[in-house]
């Protein structure tokens, strides 16, 4: 574990945190906007078990599921970055 007082450790921590944030924002943008731009072509694909068109499912439920999963993943990944650099909160 690195020393939390060093400037290099602080810069690396923020670099990793910023990269994580931009990755999650990219995924959020994709599922929040890009998927919805292609609803009509995606409706040609039908989910076999449920019988729903894929575009309808992604607009109604799929994006929301992805957002909730992303929240938990982001919290876990940020916690790991904080631990690696000595900034973790005590449990």
Protein backbone atom coordinates (compact mmCIF):
# COMPACT_ATOMS: atom_id res chain seq x y z
CA UNK A 1 0.00 0.00 0.00
CA UNK A 2 1.31 3.43 -0.92
CA UNK A 3 1.71 6.31 1.47
CA UNK A 4 -1.38 8.53 1.33
CA UNK A 5 0.73 11.63 2.07
CA UNK A 6 2.85 11.51 -1.07
CA UNK A 7 2.02 13.73 -4.03
CA UNK A 8 2.68 10.90 -6.52
CA UNK A 9 0.23 8.63 -4.68
CA UNK A 10 -2.40 11.36 -4.65
CA UNK A 11 -1.99 11.99 -8.39
CA UNK A 12 -2.18 8.27 -9.19
CA UNK A 13 -5.30 7.94 -7.03
CA UNK A 14 -7.03 10.78 -8.88
CA UNK A 15 -5.87 9.45 -12.24
CA UNK A 16 -7.43 6.04 -11.53
CA UNK A 17 -10.58 7.63 -10.08
CA UNK A 18 -11.00 9.87 -13.13
CA UNK A 19 -10.48 6.98 -15.54
CA UNK A 20 -13.06 4.88 -13.65
CA UNK A 21 -15.53 7.76 -13.74
CA UNK A 22 -15.14 8.28 -17.50
CA UNK A 23 -15.53 4.55 -18.19
CA UNK A 24 -18.76 4.44 -16.21
CA UNK A 25 -20.01 7.64 -17.84
CA UNK A 26 -19.32 6.07 -21.25
CA UNK A 27 -21.31 2.96 -20.36
CA UNK A 28 -24.07 5.14 -18.92
CA UNK A 29 -24.20 7.24 -22.11
CA UNK A 30 -24.31 4.12 -24.28
CA UNK A 31 -27.20 2.51 -22.40
CA UNK A 32 -28.95 5.83 -21.70
CA UNK A 33 -28.86 7.32 -25.19
CA UNK A 34 -27.21 5.23 -27.89
CA UNK A 35 -29.30 2.09 -27.30
CA UNK A 36 -32.47 4.18 -27.48
CA UNK A 37 -31.46 5.59 -30.85
CA UNK A 38 -31.61 2.07 -32.28
CA UNK A 39 -34.91 0.92 -30.75
CA UNK A 40 -36.61 0.34 -34.10
CA UNK A 41 -33.86 -1.91 -35.57
CA UNK A 42 -33.49 -3.69 -32.20
CA UNK A 43 -37.23 -4.43 -32.21
CA UNK A 44 -36.59 -6.87 -35.07
CA UNK A 45 -34.75 -9.07 -32.55
CA UNK A 46 -37.12 -10.93 -30.23
CA UNK A 47 -35.99 -12.26 -26.84
CA UNK A 48 -36.76 -16.00 -27.12
CA UNK A 49 -38.01 -16.79 -23.62
CA UNK A 50 -39.88 -13.57 -22.94
CA UNK A 51 -41.19 -12.88 -26.44
CA UNK A 52 -40.47 -9.13 -26.16
CA UNK A 53 -38.74 -7.17 -28.90
CA UNK A 54 -35.18 -6.36 -27.74
CA UNK A 55 -35.57 -2.61 -28.38
CA UNK A 56 -38.69 -2.44 -26.23
CA UNK A 57 -37.00 -4.42 -23.45
CA UNK A 58 -33.85 -2.26 -23.47
CA UNK A 59 -35.92 0.94 -23.38
CA UNK A 60 -38.23 -0.29 -20.63
CA UNK A 61 -36.05 -2.43 -18.37
CA UNK A 62 -32.60 -3.20 -19.73
CA UNK A 63 -31.09 0.23 -19.25
CA UNK A 64 -32.40 0.48 -15.70
CA UNK A 65 -30.91 -2.89 -14.81
CA UNK A 66 -27.56 -1.81 -16.25
CA UNK A 67 -27.65 1.45 -14.24
CA UNK A 68 -28.29 -0.34 -10.94
CA UNK A 69 -25.52 -2.88 -11.61
CA UNK A 70 -23.19 0.00 -12.55
CA UNK A 71 -23.84 1.73 -9.22
CA UNK A 72 -22.73 -1.30 -7.25
CA UNK A 73 -19.76 -1.94 -9.54
CA UNK A 74 -18.60 1.69 -9.31
CA UNK A 75 -18.82 1.69 -5.52
CA UNK A 76 -16.83 -1.54 -5.28
CA UNK A 77 -14.19 -0.43 -7.80
CA UNK A 78 -13.77 3.00 -6.18
CA UNK A 79 -13.46 1.40 -2.76
CA UNK A 80 -10.67 -0.82 -4.10
CA UNK A 81 -8.85 2.19 -5.56
CA UNK A 82 -9.18 4.00 -2.22
CA UNK A 83 -7.81 0.98 -0.35
CA UNK A 84 -4.88 0.59 -2.74
CA UNK A 85 -3.86 4.21 -2.16
CA UNK A 86 -4.57 4.48 1.56
CA UNK A 87 -7.69 6.64 1.39
CA UNK A 88 -10.26 4.02 2.38
CA UNK A 89 -12.78 4.77 5.07
CA UNK A 90 -12.80 2.50 8.07
CA UNK A 91 -15.70 0.02 8.11
